[in-house]
């Protein structure tokens, strides 16, 4: 379903409150790590298919402590697994919010860019008709398109992607 034009003003105090709430969430998670791209690639990952395996392994390790190698801490395994379950729930909500934020950012940016291009094209038409003061506007806005190889008479069109 295509979205409707977005017309909303996020007031500075509302933005500040949102930023504070995000900072509060961040401060509640002081243990979060930042992996390098190489680390992300190299570490074994627990996904939807391995989740039941880890859950069952934890259950069986707790029931059969004689089989647990001395270097595996079952209580730490339990803590890690339980935290992963909790983080997965949080991550699902954050991903949904991120998707909506990202899509909305893209949509309103596109709306603004299309309107700005319309103004630029109008200013170019006015400059061609020798309307006083329009050359400065066209020159200033035209800096954005320097080196794009467009012909002098046509303004760039928005990319539909």
C-alpha atoms as a PDB file:
ATOM      1  CA  UNK A   1       0.000   0.000   0.000  1.00  0.00           C
ATOM      2  CA  UNK A   2       1.562   3.314  -0.994  1.00  0.00           C
ATOM      3  CA  UNK A   3       1.996   5.786   1.799  1.00  0.00           C
ATOM      4  CA  UNK A   4       0.236   9.137   1.884  1.00  0.00           C
ATOM      5  CA  UNK A   5       2.244  12.330   1.864  1.00  0.00           C
ATOM      6  CA  UNK A   6       3.650  12.829   5.323  1.00  0.00           C
ATOM      7  CA  UNK A   7       2.898  16.136   6.953  1.00  0.00           C
ATOM      8  CA  UNK A   8       4.057  16.142  10.540  1.00  0.00           C
ATOM      9  CA  UNK A   9       6.154  18.362  12.736  1.00  0.00           C
ATOM     10  CA  UNK A  10       8.244  16.784  15.458  1.00  0.00           C
ATOM     11  CA  UNK A  11       8.612  19.524  18.022  1.00  0.00           C
ATOM     12  CA  UNK A  12      12.059  20.060  19.591  1.00  0.00           C
ATOM     13  CA  UNK A  13      10.846  19.003  23.057  1.00  0.00           C
ATOM     14  CA  UNK A  14       9.314  15.817  21.594  1.00  0.00           C
ATOM     15  CA  UNK A  15      12.550  14.990  19.779  1.00  0.00           C
ATOM     16  CA  UNK A  16      14.483  15.670  22.977  1.00  0.00           C
ATOM     17  CA  UNK A  17      12.190  13.367  24.947  1.00  0.00           C
ATOM     18  CA  UNK A  18      12.620  10.590  22.359  1.00  0.00           C
ATOM     19  CA  UNK A  19      16.400  11.018  22.406  1.00  0.00           C
ATOM     20  CA  UNK A  20      16.366  10.874  26.228  1.00  0.00           C
ATOM     21  CA  UNK A  21      14.287   7.686  26.171  1.00  0.00           C
ATOM     22  CA  UNK A  22      16.711   6.087  23.722  1.00  0.00           C
ATOM     23  CA  UNK A  23      19.612   7.132  25.951  1.00  0.00           C
ATOM     24  CA  UNK A  24      17.805   5.605  28.934  1.00  0.00           C
ATOM     25  CA  UNK A  25      17.417   2.315  27.084  1.00  0.00           C
ATOM     26  CA  UNK A  26      21.078   2.456  26.120  1.00  0.00           C
ATOM     27  CA  UNK A  27      22.109   3.048  29.738  1.00  0.00           C
ATOM     28  CA  UNK A  28      20.048  -0.002  30.827  1.00  0.00           C
ATOM     29  CA  UNK A  29      22.204  -2.162  28.541  1.00  0.00           C
ATOM     30  CA  UNK A  30      25.786  -1.342  29.637  1.00  0.00           C
ATOM     31  CA  UNK A  31      27.013  -4.807  28.620  1.00  0.00           C
ATOM     32  CA  UNK A  32      26.365  -4.318  24.890  1.00  0.00           C
ATOM     33  CA  UNK A  33      29.400  -4.945  22.686  1.00  0.00           C
ATOM     34  CA  UNK A  34      30.575  -3.603  19.347  1.00  0.00           C
ATOM     35  CA  UNK A  35      31.919  -6.367  17.096  1.00  0.00           C
ATOM     36  CA  UNK A  36      34.208  -5.649  14.188  1.00  0.00           C
ATOM     37  CA  UNK A  37      33.011  -6.753  10.747  1.00  0.00           C
ATOM     38  CA  UNK A  38      35.592  -9.561  10.879  1.00  0.00           C
ATOM     39  CA  UNK A  39      34.359 -10.717  14.303  1.00  0.00           C
ATOM     40  CA  UNK A  40      30.766 -10.701  13.054  1.00  0.00           C
ATOM     41  CA  UNK A  41      31.821 -12.881  10.143  1.00  0.00           C
ATOM     42  CA  UNK A  42      33.909 -15.329  12.153  1.00  0.00           C
ATOM     43  CA  UNK A  43      31.922 -16.065  15.317  1.00  0.00           C
ATOM     44  CA  UNK A  44      29.499 -18.999  15.382  1.00  0.00           C
ATOM     45  CA  UNK A  45      25.957 -17.669  15.259  1.00  0.00           C
ATOM     46  CA  UNK A  46      22.806 -18.808  17.031  1.00  0.00           C
ATOM     47  CA  UNK A  47      19.922 -18.279  14.642  1.00  0.00           C
ATOM     48  CA  UNK A  48      16.423 -19.680  14.346  1.00  0.00           C
ATOM     49  CA  UNK A  49      17.732 -23.138  13.427  1.00  0.00           C
ATOM     50  CA  UNK A  50      20.366 -23.356  16.170  1.00  0.00           C
ATOM     51  CA  UNK A  51      18.182 -21.801  18.888  1.00  0.00           C
ATOM     52  CA  UNK A  52      16.313 -25.086  19.649  1.00  0.00           C
ATOM     53  CA  UNK A  53      19.653 -26.944  19.651  1.00  0.00           C
ATOM     54  CA  UNK A  54      21.121 -24.611  22.275  1.00  0.00           C
ATOM     55  CA  UNK A  55      17.948 -24.770  24.349  1.00  0.00           C
ATOM     56  CA  UNK A  56      17.956 -28.591  24.298  1.00  0.00           C
ATOM     57  CA  UNK A  57      21.706 -28.768  24.990  1.00  0.00           C
ATOM     58  CA  UNK A  58      21.243 -26.543  28.052  1.00  0.00           C
ATOM     59  CA  UNK A  59      18.375 -28.678  29.295  1.00  0.00           C
ATOM     60  CA  UNK A  60      20.337 -31.914  28.812  1.00  0.00           C
ATOM     61  CA  UNK A  61      23.537 -30.481  30.320  1.00  0.00           C
ATOM     62  CA  UNK A  62      21.590 -29.539  33.449  1.00  0.00           C
ATOM     63  CA  UNK A  63      20.129 -33.074  33.620  1.00  0.00           C
ATOM     64  CA  UNK A  64      23.456 -34.804  32.908  1.00  0.00           C
ATOM     65  CA  UNK A  65      26.219 -32.889  34.708  1.00  0.00           C
ATOM     66  CA  UNK A  66      28.574 -35.890  34.443  1.00  0.00           C
ATOM     67  CA  UNK A  67      28.761 -35.280  30.668  1.00  0.00           C
ATOM     68  CA  UNK A  68      29.606 -31.568  30.914  1.00  0.00           C
ATOM     69  CA  UNK A  69      33.279 -30.913  30.122  1.00  0.00           C
ATOM     70  CA  UNK A  70      35.177 -29.125  32.903  1.00  0.00           C
ATOM     71  CA  UNK A  71      35.690 -26.040  30.723  1.00  0.00           C
ATOM     72  CA  UNK A  72      31.921 -25.506  30.166  1.00  0.00           C
ATOM     73  CA  UNK A  73      30.142 -23.508  32.856  1.00  0.00           C
ATOM     74  CA  UNK A  74      26.493 -24.585  32.681  1.00  0.00           C
ATOM     75  CA  UNK A  75      25.313 -21.648  34.800  1.00  0.00           C
ATOM     76  CA  UNK A  76      27.042 -19.234  32.413  1.00  0.00           C
ATOM     77  CA  UNK A  77      25.532 -21.110  29.455  1.00  0.00           C
ATOM     78  CA  UNK A  78      22.112 -20.680  31.101  1.00  0.00           C
ATOM     79  CA  UNK A  79      22.696 -16.939  31.727  1.00  0.00           C
ATOM     80  CA  UNK A  80      23.898 -16.397  28.145  1.00  0.00           C
ATOM     81  CA  UNK A  81      20.971 -18.306  26.684  1.00  0.00           C
ATOM     82  CA  UNK A  82      18.386 -16.499  28.837  1.00  0.00           C
ATOM     83  CA  UNK A  83      19.910 -13.122  27.962  1.00  0.00           C
ATOM     84  CA  UNK A  84      19.839 -14.046  24.270  1.00  0.00           C
ATOM     85  CA  UNK A  85      16.107 -14.813  24.585  1.00  0.00           C
ATOM     86  CA  UNK A  86      15.471 -11.455  26.265  1.00  0.00           C
ATOM     87  CA  UNK A  87      17.608  -9.554  23.750  1.00  0.00           C
ATOM     88  CA  UNK A  88      15.885 -11.283  20.841  1.00  0.00           C
ATOM     89  CA  UNK A  89      12.515  -9.967  22.067  1.00  0.00           C
ATOM     90  CA  UNK A  90      13.930  -6.446  22.405  1.00  0.00           C
ATOM     91  CA  UNK A  91      15.710  -6.686  19.057  1.00  0.00           C
ATOM     92  CA  UNK A  92      12.495  -7.692  17.294  1.00  0.00           C
ATOM     93  CA  UNK A  93      10.770  -4.539  18.560  1.00  0.00           C
ATOM     94  CA  UNK A  94      13.767  -2.359  17.739  1.00  0.00           C
ATOM     95  CA  UNK A  95      14.000  -3.809  14.220  1.00  0.00           C
ATOM     96  CA  UNK A  96      10.323  -3.027  13.599  1.00  0.00           C
ATOM     97  CA  UNK A  97      10.821   0.515  14.877  1.00  0.00           C
ATOM     98  CA  UNK A  98      14.016   0.884  12.824  1.00  0.00           C
ATOM     99  CA  UNK A  99      12.221  -0.251   9.668  1.00  0.00           C
ATOM    100  CA  UNK A 100       9.438   2.305  10.179  1.00  0.00           C
ATOM    101  CA  UNK A 101      11.919   5.072  11.036  1.00  0.00           C
ATOM    102  CA  UNK A 102      14.092   4.257   8.047  1.00  0.00           C
ATOM    103  CA  UNK A 103      11.145   4.069   5.627  1.00  0.00           C
ATOM    104  CA  UNK A 104       9.684   7.320   6.947  1.00  0.00           C
ATOM    105  CA  UNK A 105      13.065   9.057   6.750  1.00  0.00           C
ATOM    106  CA  UNK A 106      13.400   7.905   3.138  1.00  0.00           C
ATOM    107  CA  UNK A 107       9.841   8.985   2.276  1.00  0.00           C
ATOM    108  CA  UNK A 108      10.005  12.482   3.790  1.00  0.00           C
ATOM    109  CA  UNK A 109      13.478  13.007   2.345  1.00  0.00           C
ATOM    110  CA  UNK A 110      12.126  12.090  -1.072  1.00  0.00           C
ATOM    111  CA  UNK A 111       9.178  14.449  -0.649  1.00  0.00           C
ATOM    112  CA  UNK A 112      11.533  17.280   0.291  1.00  0.00           C
ATOM    113  CA  UNK A 113      13.936  16.501  -2.564  1.00  0.00           C
ATOM    114  CA  UNK A 114      11.142  16.410  -5.180  1.00  0.00           C
ATOM    115  CA  UNK A 115       9.787  19.746  -3.905  1.00  0.00           C
ATOM    116  CA  UNK A 116      13.295  21.245  -3.961  1.00  0.00           C
ATOM    117  CA  UNK A 117      13.807  20.040  -7.552  1.00  0.00           C
ATOM    118  CA  UNK A 118      10.496  21.636  -8.528  1.00  0.00           C
ATOM    119  CA  UNK A 119      11.638  24.929  -7.014  1.00  0.00           C
ATOM    120  CA  UNK A 120      14.996  24.626  -8.804  1.00  0.00           C
ATOM    121  CA  UNK A 121      13.295  23.974 -12.152  1.00  0.00           C
ATOM    122  CA  UNK A 122      10.986  26.936 -11.570  1.00  0.00           C
ATOM    123  CA  UNK A 123      13.959  29.169 -10.737  1.00  0.00           C
ATOM    124  CA  UNK A 124      15.739  27.985 -13.907  1.00  0.00           C
ATOM    125  CA  UNK A 125      12.662  28.856 -15.993  1.00  0.00           C
ATOM    126  CA  UNK A 126      12.504  32.257 -14.328  1.00  0.00           C
ATOM    127  CA  UNK A 127      16.226  32.815 -15.001  1.00  0.00           C
ATOM    128  CA  UNK A 128      15.705  31.991 -18.689  1.00  0.00           C
ATOM    129  CA  UNK A 129      12.967  34.624 -18.728  1.00  0.00           C
ATOM    130  CA  UNK A 130      15.447  37.107 -17.170  1.00  0.00           C
ATOM    131  CA  UNK A 131      13.573  37.471 -13.879  1.00  0.00           C
ATOM    132  CA  UNK A 132      15.858  39.585 -11.673  1.00  0.00           C
ATOM    133  CA  UNK A 133      17.713  37.730  -8.889  1.00  0.00           C
ATOM    134  CA  UNK A 134      17.086  34.235 -10.196  1.00  0.00           C
ATOM    135  CA  UNK A 135      20.589  33.668 -11.603  1.00  0.00           C
ATOM    136  CA  UNK A 136      22.003  33.680  -8.067  1.00  0.00           C
ATOM    137  CA  UNK A 137      19.429  31.101  -6.956  1.00  0.00           C
ATOM    138  CA  UNK A 138      20.101  28.852  -9.960  1.00  0.00           C
ATOM    139  CA  UNK A 139      23.872  29.112  -9.509  1.00  0.00           C
ATOM    140  CA  UNK A 140      23.652  28.303  -5.803  1.00  0.00           C
ATOM    141  CA  UNK A 141      21.344  25.311  -6.237  1.00  0.00           C
ATOM    142  CA  UNK A 142      23.138  24.157  -9.389  1.00  0.00           C
ATOM    143  CA  UNK A 143      26.299  23.457  -7.348  1.00  0.00           C
ATOM    144  CA  UNK A 144      24.656  20.210  -6.278  1.00  0.00           C
ATOM    145  CA  UNK A 145      24.668  18.922  -9.855  1.00  0.00           C
ATOM    146  CA  UNK A 146      28.138  20.010 -10.999  1.00  0.00           C
ATOM    147  CA  UNK A 147      29.935  17.197 -12.793  1.00  0.00           C
ATOM    148  CA  UNK A 148      26.878  15.025 -13.362  1.00  0.00           C
ATOM    149  CA  UNK A 149      27.014  15.486 -17.122  1.00  0.00           C
ATOM    150  CA  UNK A 150      23.466  16.754 -17.489  1.00  0.00           C
ATOM    151  CA  UNK A 151      22.706  19.131 -20.309  1.00  0.00           C
ATOM    152  CA  UNK A 152      22.395  22.777 -19.366  1.00  0.00           C
ATOM    153  CA  UNK A 153      18.674  22.911 -20.081  1.00  0.00           C
ATOM    154  CA  UNK A 154      17.415  19.999 -18.002  1.00  0.00           C
ATOM    155  CA  UNK A 155      17.312  19.617 -14.268  1.00  0.00           C
ATOM    156  CA  UNK A 156      17.958  16.211 -12.799  1.00  0.00           C
ATOM    157  CA  UNK A 157      14.911  14.169 -12.010  1.00  0.00           C
ATOM    158  CA  UNK A 158      14.464  12.350  -8.713  1.00  0.00           C
ATOM    159  CA  UNK A 159      15.626   8.770  -8.645  1.00  0.00           C
ATOM    160  CA  UNK A 160      12.541   6.543  -8.235  1.00  0.00           C
ATOM    161  CA  UNK A 161      14.454   3.919  -6.228  1.00  0.00           C
END
